[in-house]
């Protein structure tokens, strides 16, 4: 995420394209709690899909660990 204004629609559709980590969502200024929650819930759905794909033998191309990502998203959601 850069210092530019956040593209909220893009963040809600593909959080990883706007934020580097779930904690970046929490630190983002100008987002309501509801917006942050919506973004994190979408990221949770994406991480769960990535985890299922990995379990089926289709690991992510960028070597991300989907279980660690899912844990980070859950921790961020809990902190809201």
Protein backbone atom coordinates (compact mmCIF):
# COMPACT_ATOMS: atom_id res chain seq x y z
CA UNK A 1 0.00 0.00 0.00
CA UNK A 2 1.31 3.41 -0.87
CA UNK A 3 0.56 6.82 0.56
CA UNK A 4 -2.04 7.35 -2.16
CA UNK A 5 -5.75 7.29 -1.44
CA UNK A 6 -7.10 3.79 -0.98
CA UNK A 7 -9.27 2.41 -3.76
CA UNK A 8 -11.99 1.03 -1.51
CA UNK A 9 -13.78 -0.91 -4.24
CA UNK A 10 -10.53 -2.57 -5.31
CA UNK A 11 -9.60 -3.30 -1.68
CA UNK A 12 -12.97 -4.98 -1.07
CA UNK A 13 -12.61 -7.06 -4.24
CA UNK A 14 -8.92 -7.99 -3.96
CA UNK A 15 -7.39 -6.92 -0.63
CA UNK A 16 -3.93 -8.28 -1.47
CA UNK A 17 -3.72 -5.95 -4.46
CA UNK A 18 -4.06 -2.92 -2.17
CA UNK A 19 -2.55 -4.05 1.15
CA UNK A 20 0.60 -6.05 1.89
CA UNK A 21 -0.70 -7.59 5.13
CA UNK A 22 -3.96 -7.76 7.07
CA UNK A 23 -2.40 -5.46 9.66
CA UNK A 24 -2.04 -2.81 6.96
CA UNK A 25 -5.84 -2.80 6.75
CA UNK A 26 -6.05 -2.09 10.47
CA UNK A 27 -3.57 0.79 10.19
CA UNK A 28 -5.22 2.34 7.13
CA UNK A 29 -6.44 5.84 7.89
CA UNK A 30 -9.76 6.96 6.54
CA UNK A 31 -11.45 3.55 6.56
CA UNK A 32 -14.43 2.87 8.78
CA UNK A 33 -14.54 -0.19 11.00
CA UNK A 34 -17.19 -1.60 8.65
CA UNK A 35 -14.92 -1.09 5.62
CA UNK A 36 -11.99 -2.71 7.39
CA UNK A 37 -14.16 -5.65 8.41
CA UNK A 38 -15.48 -6.09 4.86
CA UNK A 39 -11.95 -6.04 3.44
CA UNK A 40 -10.70 -8.54 6.02
CA UNK A 41 -13.67 -10.86 5.49
CA UNK A 42 -12.96 -10.89 1.77
CA UNK A 43 -9.28 -11.59 2.51
CA UNK A 44 -10.39 -14.44 4.79
CA UNK A 45 -12.45 -15.95 1.95
CA UNK A 46 -9.49 -15.64 -0.42
CA UNK A 47 -7.11 -17.24 2.09
CA UNK A 48 -9.53 -20.12 2.73
CA UNK A 49 -9.81 -20.76 -1.02
CA UNK A 50 -6.02 -20.65 -1.33
CA UNK A 51 -5.70 -23.11 1.56
CA UNK A 52 -8.16 -25.52 -0.07
CA UNK A 53 -6.28 -25.29 -3.37
CA UNK A 54 -2.97 -25.96 -1.61
CA UNK A 55 -4.44 -29.00 0.13
CA UNK A 56 -5.56 -30.25 -3.29
CA UNK A 57 -2.01 -30.03 -4.63
CA UNK A 58 -2.18 -26.57 -6.20
CA UNK A 59 0.20 -24.41 -4.15
CA UNK A 60 0.29 -20.66 -4.71
CA UNK A 61 2.72 -19.43 -7.35
CA UNK A 62 4.36 -16.94 -4.98
CA UNK A 63 5.05 -19.50 -2.21
CA UNK A 64 2.75 -17.73 0.26
CA UNK A 65 1.69 -19.87 3.19
CA UNK A 66 -2.12 -19.74 3.13
CA UNK A 67 -2.41 -21.04 6.71
CA UNK A 68 -0.23 -18.19 8.00
CA UNK A 69 -2.20 -15.67 5.94
CA UNK A 70 -5.50 -17.01 7.29
CA UNK A 71 -4.17 -16.77 10.84
CA UNK A 72 -3.08 -13.17 10.27
CA UNK A 73 -6.52 -12.29 8.89
CA UNK A 74 -8.24 -13.90 11.88
CA UNK A 75 -6.02 -12.00 14.30
CA UNK A 76 -6.78 -8.74 12.49
CA UNK A 77 -10.53 -9.43 12.57
CA UNK A 78 -10.36 -10.22 16.28
CA UNK A 79 -8.62 -6.92 16.98
CA UNK A 80 -11.49 -4.97 15.42
